[in-house]
C-alpha atoms as a PDB file:
ATOM      1  CA  UNK A   1       0.000   0.000   0.000  1.00  0.00           C
ATOM      2  CA  UNK A   2       2.789   2.437   0.802  1.00  0.00           C
ATOM      3  CA  UNK A   3       4.287   1.924  -2.668  1.00  0.00           C
ATOM      4  CA  UNK A   4       0.919   2.817  -4.257  1.00  0.00           C
ATOM      5  CA  UNK A   5       0.661   5.904  -2.060  1.00  0.00           C
ATOM      6  CA  UNK A   6       4.186   6.983  -3.029  1.00  0.00           C
ATOM      7  CA  UNK A   7       3.409   6.564  -6.721  1.00  0.00           C
ATOM      8  CA  UNK A   8       0.213   8.592  -6.368  1.00  0.00           C
ATOM      9  CA  UNK A   9       2.049  11.335  -4.488  1.00  0.00           C
ATOM     10  CA  UNK A  10       4.682  11.613  -7.210  1.00  0.00           C
ATOM     11  CA  UNK A  11       1.972  12.186  -9.836  1.00  0.00           C
ATOM     12  CA  UNK A  12       0.066  14.833  -7.879  1.00  0.00           C
ATOM     13  CA  UNK A  13       1.311  18.406  -8.007  1.00  0.00           C
ATOM     14  CA  UNK A  14       2.105  19.794  -4.547  1.00  0.00           C
ATOM     15  CA  UNK A  15       2.002  23.433  -5.693  1.00  0.00           C
ATOM     16  CA  UNK A  16      -0.771  25.540  -4.192  1.00  0.00           C
ATOM     17  CA  UNK A  17      -2.074  28.323  -6.419  1.00  0.00           C
ATOM     18  CA  UNK A  18      -4.298  31.061  -5.015  1.00  0.00           C
ATOM     19  CA  UNK A  19      -5.799  34.209  -6.487  1.00  0.00           C
ATOM     20  CA  UNK A  20      -5.295  37.284  -4.299  1.00  0.00           C
ATOM     21  CA  UNK A  21      -5.978  41.000  -4.509  1.00  0.00           C
ATOM     22  CA  UNK A  22      -2.940  43.297  -4.369  1.00  0.00           C
ATOM     23  CA  UNK A  23      -3.203  45.820  -1.517  1.00  0.00           C
ATOM     24  CA  UNK A  24       0.213  47.501  -1.716  1.00  0.00           C
ATOM     25  CA  UNK A  25       3.541  46.836  -3.373  1.00  0.00           C
ATOM     26  CA  UNK A  26       6.435  47.296  -0.955  1.00  0.00           C
ATOM     27  CA  UNK A  27       9.829  48.754  -1.925  1.00  0.00           C
ATOM     28  CA  UNK A  28      11.694  45.647  -0.679  1.00  0.00           C
ATOM     29  CA  UNK A  29      10.371  43.276  -3.378  1.00  0.00           C
ATOM     30  CA  UNK A  30       7.347  42.038  -1.447  1.00  0.00           C
ATOM     31  CA  UNK A  31       3.623  42.667  -1.841  1.00  0.00           C
ATOM     32  CA  UNK A  32       0.867  42.989   0.750  1.00  0.00           C
ATOM     33  CA  UNK A  33      -2.108  40.938  -0.511  1.00  0.00           C
ATOM     34  CA  UNK A  34      -5.652  40.102   0.581  1.00  0.00           C
ATOM     35  CA  UNK A  35      -7.329  36.701   0.188  1.00  0.00           C
ATOM     36  CA  UNK A  36     -11.009  36.073  -0.549  1.00  0.00           C
ATOM     37  CA  UNK A  37     -11.715  35.454   3.147  1.00  0.00           C
ATOM     38  CA  UNK A  38     -10.387  38.978   3.954  1.00  0.00           C
ATOM     39  CA  UNK A  39      -7.192  37.685   5.558  1.00  0.00           C
ATOM     40  CA  UNK A  40      -3.982  39.413   4.514  1.00  0.00           C
ATOM     41  CA  UNK A  41      -0.326  38.491   4.214  1.00  0.00           C
ATOM     42  CA  UNK A  42       2.948  39.562   2.650  1.00  0.00           C
ATOM     43  CA  UNK A  43       4.252  37.507  -0.280  1.00  0.00           C
ATOM     44  CA  UNK A  44       7.416  37.625  -2.359  1.00  0.00           C
ATOM     45  CA  UNK A  45       7.393  39.454  -5.681  1.00  0.00           C
ATOM     46  CA  UNK A  46       6.390  42.855  -6.957  1.00  0.00           C
ATOM     47  CA  UNK A  47       5.526  42.210 -10.605  1.00  0.00           C
ATOM     48  CA  UNK A  48       1.789  42.969 -10.236  1.00  0.00           C
ATOM     49  CA  UNK A  49       1.079  46.550  -9.172  1.00  0.00           C
ATOM     50  CA  UNK A  50      -2.715  46.405  -8.782  1.00  0.00           C
ATOM     51  CA  UNK A  51      -5.690  44.117  -9.270  1.00  0.00           C
ATOM     52  CA  UNK A  52      -5.536  40.354  -8.858  1.00  0.00           C
ATOM     53  CA  UNK A  53      -2.504  38.076  -8.897  1.00  0.00           C
ATOM     54  CA  UNK A  54      -1.697  34.372  -8.825  1.00  0.00           C
ATOM     55  CA  UNK A  55       0.331  33.270  -5.781  1.00  0.00           C
ATOM     56  CA  UNK A  56       2.140  29.927  -5.721  1.00  0.00           C
ATOM     57  CA  UNK A  57       3.833  28.837  -2.499  1.00  0.00           C
ATOM     58  CA  UNK A  58       4.060  32.397  -1.155  1.00  0.00           C
ATOM     59  CA  UNK A  59       5.381  33.993  -4.360  1.00  0.00           C
ATOM     60  CA  UNK A  60       3.560  36.079  -6.985  1.00  0.00           C
ATOM     61  CA  UNK A  61       3.798  34.371 -10.378  1.00  0.00           C
ATOM     62  CA  UNK A  62       1.674  36.698 -12.509  1.00  0.00           C
ATOM     63  CA  UNK A  63      -1.439  38.772 -12.985  1.00  0.00           C
ATOM     64  CA  UNK A  64      -4.871  37.150 -12.694  1.00  0.00           C
ATOM     65  CA  UNK A  65      -8.142  38.297 -14.252  1.00  0.00           C
ATOM     66  CA  UNK A  66     -10.625  40.130 -12.027  1.00  0.00           C
ATOM     67  CA  UNK A  67     -13.655  37.873 -12.417  1.00  0.00           C
ATOM     68  CA  UNK A  68     -16.825  37.841 -10.332  1.00  0.00           C
ATOM     69  CA  UNK A  69     -17.272  34.846  -8.046  1.00  0.00           C
ATOM     70  CA  UNK A  70     -19.697  33.447  -5.508  1.00  0.00           C
ATOM     71  CA  UNK A  71     -18.823  31.285  -2.519  1.00  0.00           C
ATOM     72  CA  UNK A  72     -21.297  28.557  -1.603  1.00  0.00           C
ATOM     73  CA  UNK A  73     -21.131  26.750   1.737  1.00  0.00           C
ATOM     74  CA  UNK A  74     -22.105  23.099   1.676  1.00  0.00           C
END
């Protein structure tokens, strides 16, 4: 069973991608961002000056489209 679990884990991508809203771009190469649940954090990167951005593992990787969304609790 452990061998099957290891094989499955090697196929799955461990990268977490999140869409955030840029609050401010700091002068030290970091950006203050806000998540959809209103929590905020500082991530690495300053390539997106405003709007939405993709964040992978705590680093901005590019601009994201500003699309409307709805959260549904199940």
